[in-house]
Amino acid sequence: MTSVRHLASAVASTSTAEPAYRVDLRVGAHALVADEPATAGGGDLGPTPLGLLLSALASCTAMTLRMYAGRKDWVPLTIDVTARYDVDEEGAETIERTITLSDRLTGDQRERLADIAERTPVTLAIRRGTPITTTLHTS
């Protein structure tokens, strides 16, 4: 029998009473807002859903690398992660992630962190194409 571990959950809510496209989010004890930019008819009150996806990837990468470096007692580091979602003229979608590390790390340390970045939980969820099951309810 396979056991399931619950790792995270989020609740999104929108209505016609809100500004167009605004979505209130609850992630654990945290409140967030998602929206579309004004150029897309939204109020630009928060990041777009793709912006939130990229935020998840970038923050998971930075956290995971920081944890790993900390366990190894490597020099105190600042880790900057930038993520972009691009679509080319044929419609092919790609995510480009750039990680900036301290120049005080050795080449072997940087190489190890690059390897770890490829196996962060969010990286794996995106790359594996995690299945999504949808259930509809009425209220």
N, C-alpha and C. Protein backbone atom coordinates (compact mmCIF):
# COMPACT_ATOMS: atom_id res chain seq x y z
N MET A 1 0.84 -1.19 0.00
CA MET A 1 0.00 0.00 0.00
C MET A 1 0.88 1.25 0.00
N THR A 2 0.58 2.18 -0.85
CA THR A 2 1.33 3.41 -0.97
C THR A 2 0.80 4.45 0.02
N SER A 3 1.73 5.06 0.78
CA SER A 3 1.31 6.12 1.69
C SER A 3 1.51 7.46 0.99
N VAL A 4 0.72 8.44 1.39
CA VAL A 4 0.78 9.77 0.80
C VAL A 4 1.17 10.76 1.89
N ARG A 5 2.17 11.60 1.60
CA ARG A 5 2.56 12.66 2.52
C ARG A 5 2.06 13.98 1.95
N HIS A 6 1.29 14.70 2.74
CA HIS A 6 0.81 16.02 2.32
C HIS A 6 1.93 17.02 2.53
N LEU A 7 2.34 17.71 1.47
CA LEU A 7 3.46 18.65 1.57
C LEU A 7 3.04 20.11 1.59
N ALA A 8 1.97 20.46 0.88
CA ALA A 8 1.55 21.85 0.82
C ALA A 8 0.14 21.93 0.27
N SER A 9 -0.52 23.05 0.54
CA SER A 9 -1.83 23.29 -0.05
C SER A 9 -2.02 24.79 -0.21
N ALA A 10 -2.91 25.14 -1.11
CA ALA A 10 -3.23 26.54 -1.34
C ALA A 10 -4.70 26.63 -1.69
N VAL A 11 -5.34 27.74 -1.32
CA VAL A 11 -6.74 28.00 -1.64
C VAL A 11 -6.82 29.33 -2.35
N ALA A 12 -7.51 29.37 -3.49
CA ALA A 12 -7.68 30.59 -4.26
C ALA A 12 -9.16 30.93 -4.34
N SER A 13 -9.48 32.22 -4.23
CA SER A 13 -10.87 32.65 -4.26
C SER A 13 -11.00 33.95 -5.04
N THR A 14 -12.00 33.99 -5.93
CA THR A 14 -12.27 35.22 -6.68
C THR A 14 -13.77 35.36 -6.83
N SER A 15 -14.22 36.55 -7.10
CA SER A 15 -15.64 36.78 -7.31
C SER A 15 -15.81 38.01 -8.19
N THR A 16 -17.04 38.25 -8.63
CA THR A 16 -17.30 39.43 -9.45
C THR A 16 -17.24 40.71 -8.63
N ALA A 17 -17.25 40.61 -7.28
CA ALA A 17 -17.18 41.79 -6.43
C ALA A 17 -15.75 42.34 -6.35
N GLU A 18 -14.77 41.52 -6.71
CA GLU A 18 -13.37 41.94 -6.64
C GLU A 18 -13.01 42.69 -7.92
N PRO A 19 -11.91 43.43 -7.93
CA PRO A 19 -11.43 43.97 -9.21
C PRO A 19 -11.18 42.80 -10.19
N ALA A 20 -11.30 43.07 -11.47
CA ALA A 20 -11.16 42.01 -12.48
C ALA A 20 -9.88 41.20 -12.27
N TYR A 21 -10.03 39.90 -12.25
CA TYR A 21 -8.94 38.91 -12.20
C TYR A 21 -8.21 38.81 -10.87
N ARG A 22 -8.50 39.66 -9.91
CA ARG A 22 -7.85 39.53 -8.60
C ARG A 22 -8.26 38.21 -7.96
N VAL A 23 -7.26 37.52 -7.41
CA VAL A 23 -7.50 36.27 -6.71
C VAL A 23 -6.83 36.37 -5.35
N ASP A 24 -7.60 36.10 -4.29
CA ASP A 24 -7.04 36.05 -2.94
C ASP A 24 -6.59 34.62 -2.68
N LEU A 25 -5.37 34.49 -2.19
CA LEU A 25 -4.78 33.18 -1.95
C LEU A 25 -4.49 32.99 -0.47
N ARG A 26 -4.69 31.77 -0.02
CA ARG A 26 -4.27 31.37 1.33
C ARG A 26 -3.33 30.19 1.15
N VAL A 27 -2.13 30.33 1.65
CA VAL A 27 -1.14 29.26 1.62
C VAL A 27 -0.71 29.07 3.06
N GLY A 28 -1.28 28.05 3.71
CA GLY A 28 -1.04 27.89 5.14
C GLY A 28 -1.59 29.10 5.86
N ALA A 29 -0.76 29.75 6.67
CA ALA A 29 -1.17 30.93 7.43
C ALA A 29 -0.91 32.23 6.66
N HIS A 30 -0.53 32.13 5.41
CA HIS A 30 -0.12 33.31 4.64
C HIS A 30 -1.17 33.73 3.62
N ALA A 31 -1.38 35.04 3.53
CA ALA A 31 -2.32 35.60 2.55
C ALA A 31 -1.53 36.25 1.43
N LEU A 32 -1.91 35.95 0.20
CA LEU A 32 -1.27 36.52 -0.98
C LEU A 32 -2.35 36.98 -1.95
N VAL A 33 -1.97 37.76 -2.92
CA VAL A 33 -2.88 38.19 -3.98
C VAL A 33 -2.22 37.89 -5.32
N ALA A 34 -2.99 37.33 -6.23
CA ALA A 34 -2.54 37.16 -7.61
C ALA A 34 -3.43 38.01 -8.49
N ASP A 35 -2.91 38.46 -9.60
CA ASP A 35 -3.68 39.32 -10.50
C ASP A 35 -3.01 39.29 -11.86
N GLU A 36 -3.64 39.90 -12.81
CA GLU A 36 -3.08 40.09 -14.14
C GLU A 36 -2.65 41.55 -14.26
N PRO A 37 -1.68 41.83 -15.13
CA PRO A 37 -1.29 43.23 -15.31
C PRO A 37 -2.41 44.05 -15.93
N ALA A 38 -2.34 45.34 -15.76
CA ALA A 38 -3.36 46.23 -16.32
C ALA A 38 -3.48 46.06 -17.83
N THR A 39 -2.37 45.77 -18.50
CA THR A 39 -2.40 45.59 -19.95
C THR A 39 -3.22 44.37 -20.37
N ALA A 40 -3.48 43.45 -19.42
CA ALA A 40 -4.29 42.26 -19.70
C ALA A 40 -5.69 42.38 -19.08
N GLY A 41 -6.03 43.57 -18.59
CA GLY A 41 -7.35 43.79 -18.01
C GLY A 41 -7.43 43.63 -16.51
N GLY A 42 -6.32 43.33 -15.87
CA GLY A 42 -6.30 43.18 -14.42
C GLY A 42 -5.95 44.47 -13.72
N GLY A 43 -5.79 44.40 -12.41
CA GLY A 43 -5.44 45.57 -11.62
C GLY A 43 -3.98 45.61 -11.21
N ASP A 44 -3.19 44.60 -11.61
CA ASP A 44 -1.77 44.52 -11.27
C ASP A 44 -1.55 44.61 -9.76
N LEU A 45 -2.43 43.92 -9.01
CA LEU A 45 -2.37 43.96 -7.54
C LEU A 45 -1.45 42.90 -6.95
N GLY A 46 -0.96 42.02 -7.79
CA GLY A 46 -0.08 40.95 -7.33
C GLY A 46 0.54 40.26 -8.53
N PRO A 47 1.39 39.28 -8.26
CA PRO A 47 2.01 38.56 -9.37
C PRO A 47 0.98 37.76 -10.16
N THR A 48 1.32 37.49 -11.42
CA THR A 48 0.48 36.63 -12.25
C THR A 48 0.67 35.18 -11.81
N PRO A 49 -0.22 34.29 -12.21
CA PRO A 49 -0.01 32.88 -11.88
C PRO A 49 1.34 32.35 -12.37
N LEU A 50 1.77 32.74 -13.57
CA LEU A 50 3.10 32.30 -14.03
C LEU A 50 4.21 32.93 -13.18
N GLY A 51 3.99 34.16 -12.74
CA GLY A 51 4.94 34.79 -11.83
C GLY A 51 5.06 34.03 -10.52
N LEU A 52 3.93 33.54 -10.03
CA LEU A 52 3.96 32.74 -8.80
C LEU A 52 4.67 31.40 -9.02
N LEU A 53 4.46 30.78 -10.19
CA LEU A 53 5.17 29.54 -10.50
C LEU A 53 6.68 29.79 -10.52
N LEU A 54 7.10 30.86 -11.19
CA LEU A 54 8.52 31.18 -11.24
C LEU A 54 9.06 31.54 -9.86
N SER A 55 8.24 32.19 -9.04
CA SER A 55 8.64 32.50 -7.67
C SER A 55 8.87 31.23 -6.87
N ALA A 56 8.00 30.24 -7.08
CA ALA A 56 8.17 28.95 -6.40
C ALA A 56 9.48 28.30 -6.82
N LEU A 57 9.76 28.30 -8.11
CA LEU A 57 11.00 27.70 -8.61
C LEU A 57 12.23 28.43 -8.06
N ALA A 58 12.23 29.76 -8.16
CA ALA A 58 13.38 30.54 -7.71
C ALA A 58 13.59 30.42 -6.20
N SER A 59 12.51 30.51 -5.43
CA SER A 59 12.67 30.45 -3.97
C SER A 59 13.08 29.05 -3.52
N CYS A 60 12.52 28.01 -4.14
CA CYS A 60 12.91 26.64 -3.78
C CYS A 60 14.38 26.41 -4.10
N THR A 61 14.82 26.90 -5.24
CA THR A 61 16.22 26.76 -5.62
C THR A 61 17.13 27.45 -4.61
N ALA A 62 16.82 28.72 -4.30
CA ALA A 62 17.66 29.47 -3.35
C ALA A 62 17.68 28.81 -1.98
N MET A 63 16.49 28.39 -1.49
CA MET A 63 16.42 27.75 -0.17
C MET A 63 17.21 26.45 -0.12
N THR A 64 17.03 25.62 -1.14
CA THR A 64 17.68 24.32 -1.15
C THR A 64 19.20 24.48 -1.21
N LEU A 65 19.69 25.38 -2.04
CA LEU A 65 21.13 25.60 -2.13
C LEU A 65 21.69 26.17 -0.84
N ARG A 66 20.92 27.07 -0.22
CA ARG A 66 21.35 27.64 1.06
C ARG A 66 21.44 26.56 2.14
N MET A 67 20.44 25.68 2.19
CA MET A 67 20.46 24.58 3.17
C MET A 67 21.67 23.68 2.94
N TYR A 68 21.91 23.32 1.70
CA TYR A 68 23.02 22.43 1.38
C TYR A 68 24.35 23.08 1.75
N ALA A 69 24.56 24.32 1.34
CA ALA A 69 25.81 25.02 1.66
C ALA A 69 25.99 25.16 3.17
N GLY A 70 24.89 25.41 3.87
CA GLY A 70 24.96 25.53 5.33
C GLY A 70 25.37 24.22 6.00
N ARG A 71 24.83 23.11 5.51
CA ARG A 71 25.21 21.80 6.06
C ARG A 71 26.68 21.48 5.84
N LYS A 72 27.23 22.02 4.77
CA LYS A 72 28.64 21.79 4.43
C LYS A 72 29.57 22.82 5.08
N ASP A 73 28.98 23.79 5.81
CA ASP A 73 29.75 24.88 6.43
C ASP A 73 30.59 25.64 5.42
N TRP A 74 30.02 25.84 4.22
CA TRP A 74 30.71 26.64 3.22
C TRP A 74 30.58 28.10 3.57
N VAL A 75 31.41 28.94 2.97
CA VAL A 75 31.43 30.36 3.28
C VAL A 75 30.02 30.93 3.28
N PRO A 76 29.74 31.91 4.16
CA PRO A 76 28.42 32.53 4.11
C PRO A 76 28.16 33.06 2.70
N LEU A 77 27.03 32.70 2.14
CA LEU A 77 26.78 33.12 0.78
C LEU A 77 25.46 33.79 0.59
N THR A 78 25.48 34.63 -0.42
CA THR A 78 24.24 35.17 -0.96
C THR A 78 23.98 34.39 -2.24
N ILE A 79 22.77 33.92 -2.38
CA ILE A 79 22.40 33.17 -3.57
C ILE A 79 21.26 33.93 -4.24
N ASP A 80 21.48 34.32 -5.48
CA ASP A 80 20.44 35.00 -6.25
C ASP A 80 19.98 34.07 -7.36
N VAL A 81 18.66 33.93 -7.48
CA VAL A 81 18.08 33.08 -8.51
C VAL A 81 17.07 33.90 -9.30
N THR A 82 17.24 33.91 -10.60
CA THR A 82 16.33 34.58 -11.51
C THR A 82 15.69 33.52 -12.39
N ALA A 83 14.38 33.61 -12.59
CA ALA A 83 13.68 32.66 -13.45
C ALA A 83 12.83 33.44 -14.45
N ARG A 84 12.85 32.99 -15.70
CA ARG A 84 12.06 33.61 -16.79
C ARG A 84 11.27 32.53 -17.48
N TYR A 85 10.05 32.88 -17.89
CA TYR A 85 9.19 31.99 -18.67
C TYR A 85 9.05 32.62 -20.04
N ASP A 86 9.53 31.93 -21.06
CA ASP A 86 9.51 32.46 -22.42
C ASP A 86 8.73 31.56 -23.35
N VAL A 87 8.13 32.16 -24.37
CA VAL A 87 7.44 31.43 -25.43
C VAL A 87 8.00 31.95 -26.75
N ASP A 88 8.52 31.02 -27.59
CA ASP A 88 9.07 31.47 -28.87
C ASP A 88 7.99 31.56 -29.94
N GLU A 89 8.38 31.97 -31.14
CA GLU A 89 7.41 32.21 -32.22
C GLU A 89 6.66 30.96 -32.64
N GLU A 90 7.22 29.76 -32.36
CA GLU A 90 6.52 28.51 -32.67
C GLU A 90 5.63 28.06 -31.52
N GLY A 91 5.65 28.79 -30.41
CA GLY A 91 4.83 28.45 -29.26
C GLY A 91 5.53 27.54 -28.25
N ALA A 92 6.81 27.25 -28.48
CA ALA A 92 7.56 26.42 -27.52
C ALA A 92 7.82 27.22 -26.25
N GLU A 93 7.51 26.62 -25.12
CA GLU A 93 7.66 27.28 -23.82
C GLU A 93 8.92 26.77 -23.13
N THR A 94 9.65 27.69 -22.53
CA THR A 94 10.85 27.32 -21.77
C THR A 94 10.94 28.17 -20.51
N ILE A 95 11.58 27.61 -19.51
CA ILE A 95 11.92 28.35 -18.30
C ILE A 95 13.43 28.44 -18.26
N GLU A 96 13.92 29.65 -18.08
CA GLU A 96 15.35 29.87 -17.95
C GLU A 96 15.64 30.31 -16.52
N ARG A 97 16.50 29.55 -15.85
CA ARG A 97 16.86 29.86 -14.46
C ARG A 97 18.34 30.23 -14.44
N THR A 98 18.65 31.35 -13.79
CA THR A 98 20.04 31.79 -13.63
C THR A 98 20.34 31.88 -12.15
N ILE A 99 21.41 31.23 -11.73
CA ILE A 99 21.82 31.22 -10.33
C ILE A 99 23.14 31.94 -10.21
N THR A 100 23.19 32.94 -9.35
CA THR A 100 24.42 33.70 -9.12
C THR A 100 24.93 33.35 -7.73
N LEU A 101 26.18 32.88 -7.68
CA LEU A 101 26.80 32.43 -6.44
C LEU A 101 28.04 33.27 -6.13
N SER A 102 28.48 33.21 -4.89
CA SER A 102 29.68 33.92 -4.46
C SER A 102 30.90 33.42 -5.21
N ASP A 103 31.79 34.35 -5.56
CA ASP A 103 33.04 33.95 -6.21
C ASP A 103 34.03 33.36 -5.20
N ARG A 104 33.65 33.34 -3.93
CA ARG A 104 34.50 32.73 -2.91
C ARG A 104 34.34 31.22 -2.85
N LEU A 105 33.34 30.68 -3.56
CA LEU A 105 33.19 29.23 -3.63
C LEU A 105 34.19 28.65 -4.62
N THR A 106 34.63 27.43 -4.35
CA THR A 106 35.52 26.76 -5.29
C THR A 106 34.72 26.27 -6.50
N GLY A 107 35.41 25.92 -7.55
CA GLY A 107 34.76 25.37 -8.73
C GLY A 107 33.99 24.10 -8.40
N ASP A 108 34.55 23.24 -7.56
CA ASP A 108 33.86 22.01 -7.15
C ASP A 108 32.59 22.33 -6.37
N GLN A 109 32.64 23.32 -5.50
CA GLN A 109 31.45 23.71 -4.74
C GLN A 109 30.37 24.26 -5.66
N ARG A 110 30.73 25.11 -6.60
CA ARG A 110 29.75 25.65 -7.56
C ARG A 110 29.14 24.52 -8.39
N GLU A 111 29.97 23.59 -8.82
CA GLU A 111 29.48 22.46 -9.61
C GLU A 111 28.50 21.61 -8.81
N ARG A 112 28.80 21.40 -7.53
CA ARG A 112 27.90 20.62 -6.67
C ARG A 112 26.57 21.34 -6.49
N LEU A 113 26.60 22.65 -6.28
CA LEU A 113 25.37 23.41 -6.14
C LEU A 113 24.55 23.40 -7.43
N ALA A 114 25.22 23.44 -8.58
CA ALA A 114 24.51 23.35 -9.86
C ALA A 114 23.80 22.01 -9.97
N ASP A 115 24.45 20.95 -9.52
CA ASP A 115 23.84 19.62 -9.52
C ASP A 115 22.63 19.56 -8.58
N ILE A 116 22.77 20.12 -7.41
CA ILE A 116 21.67 20.16 -6.43
C ILE A 116 20.49 20.95 -7.00
N ALA A 117 20.77 22.05 -7.70
CA ALA A 117 19.69 22.89 -8.26
C ALA A 117 18.81 22.09 -9.21
N GLU A 118 19.37 21.12 -9.90
CA GLU A 118 18.60 20.30 -10.83
C GLU A 118 17.67 19.32 -10.13
N ARG A 119 17.82 19.18 -8.81
CA ARG A 119 17.01 18.20 -8.08
C ARG A 119 16.21 18.81 -6.93
N THR A 120 15.93 20.12 -6.99
CA THR A 120 15.09 20.72 -5.95
C THR A 120 13.66 20.22 -6.12
N PRO A 121 12.86 20.22 -5.05
CA PRO A 121 11.49 19.71 -5.16
C PRO A 121 10.65 20.38 -6.25
N VAL A 122 10.72 21.69 -6.38
CA VAL A 122 9.90 22.37 -7.39
C VAL A 122 10.44 22.09 -8.79
N THR A 123 11.76 22.05 -8.94
CA THR A 123 12.35 21.70 -10.24
C THR A 123 11.83 20.34 -10.69
N LEU A 124 11.87 19.37 -9.79
CA LEU A 124 11.42 18.02 -10.14
C LEU A 124 9.93 17.98 -10.44
N ALA A 125 9.12 18.70 -9.68
CA ALA A 125 7.67 18.71 -9.92
C ALA A 125 7.36 19.28 -11.30
N ILE A 126 8.06 20.34 -11.69
CA ILE A 126 7.83 20.94 -13.00
C ILE A 126 8.32 20.01 -14.10
N ARG A 127 9.52 19.51 -13.96
CA ARG A 127 10.11 18.66 -15.00
C ARG A 127 9.37 17.36 -15.20
N ARG A 128 8.90 16.78 -14.13
CA ARG A 128 8.21 15.50 -14.23
C ARG A 128 6.78 15.64 -14.74
N GLY A 129 6.29 16.88 -14.75
CA GLY A 129 4.91 17.06 -15.17
C GLY A 129 3.95 16.42 -14.18
N THR A 130 4.03 16.82 -12.93
CA THR A 130 3.21 16.25 -11.86
C THR A 130 1.75 16.19 -12.28
N PRO A 131 1.13 15.01 -12.20
CA PRO A 131 -0.29 14.89 -12.58
C PRO A 131 -1.18 15.76 -11.70
N ILE A 132 -2.21 16.30 -12.31
CA ILE A 132 -3.21 17.12 -11.60
C ILE A 132 -4.57 16.45 -11.74
N THR A 133 -5.19 16.18 -10.63
CA THR A 133 -6.54 15.63 -10.61
C THR A 133 -7.49 16.75 -10.22
N THR A 134 -8.56 16.95 -10.99
CA THR A 134 -9.50 18.03 -10.73
C THR A 134 -10.85 17.46 -10.36
N THR A 135 -11.44 17.97 -9.28
CA THR A 135 -12.78 17.60 -8.83
C THR A 135 -13.61 18.87 -8.77
N LEU A 136 -14.81 18.86 -9.33
CA LEU A 136 -15.70 20.01 -9.29
C LEU A 136 -16.76 19.81 -8.20
N HIS A 137 -17.04 20.86 -7.43
CA HIS A 137 -18.10 20.87 -6.42
C HIS A 137 -19.03 22.04 -6.71
N THR A 138 -20.23 22.00 -6.22
CA THR A 138 -21.13 23.14 -6.29
C THR A 138 -21.38 23.67 -4.90
N SER A 139 -21.65 24.97 -4.81
CA SER A 139 -21.92 25.55 -3.47
C SER A 139 -23.31 26.10 -3.43
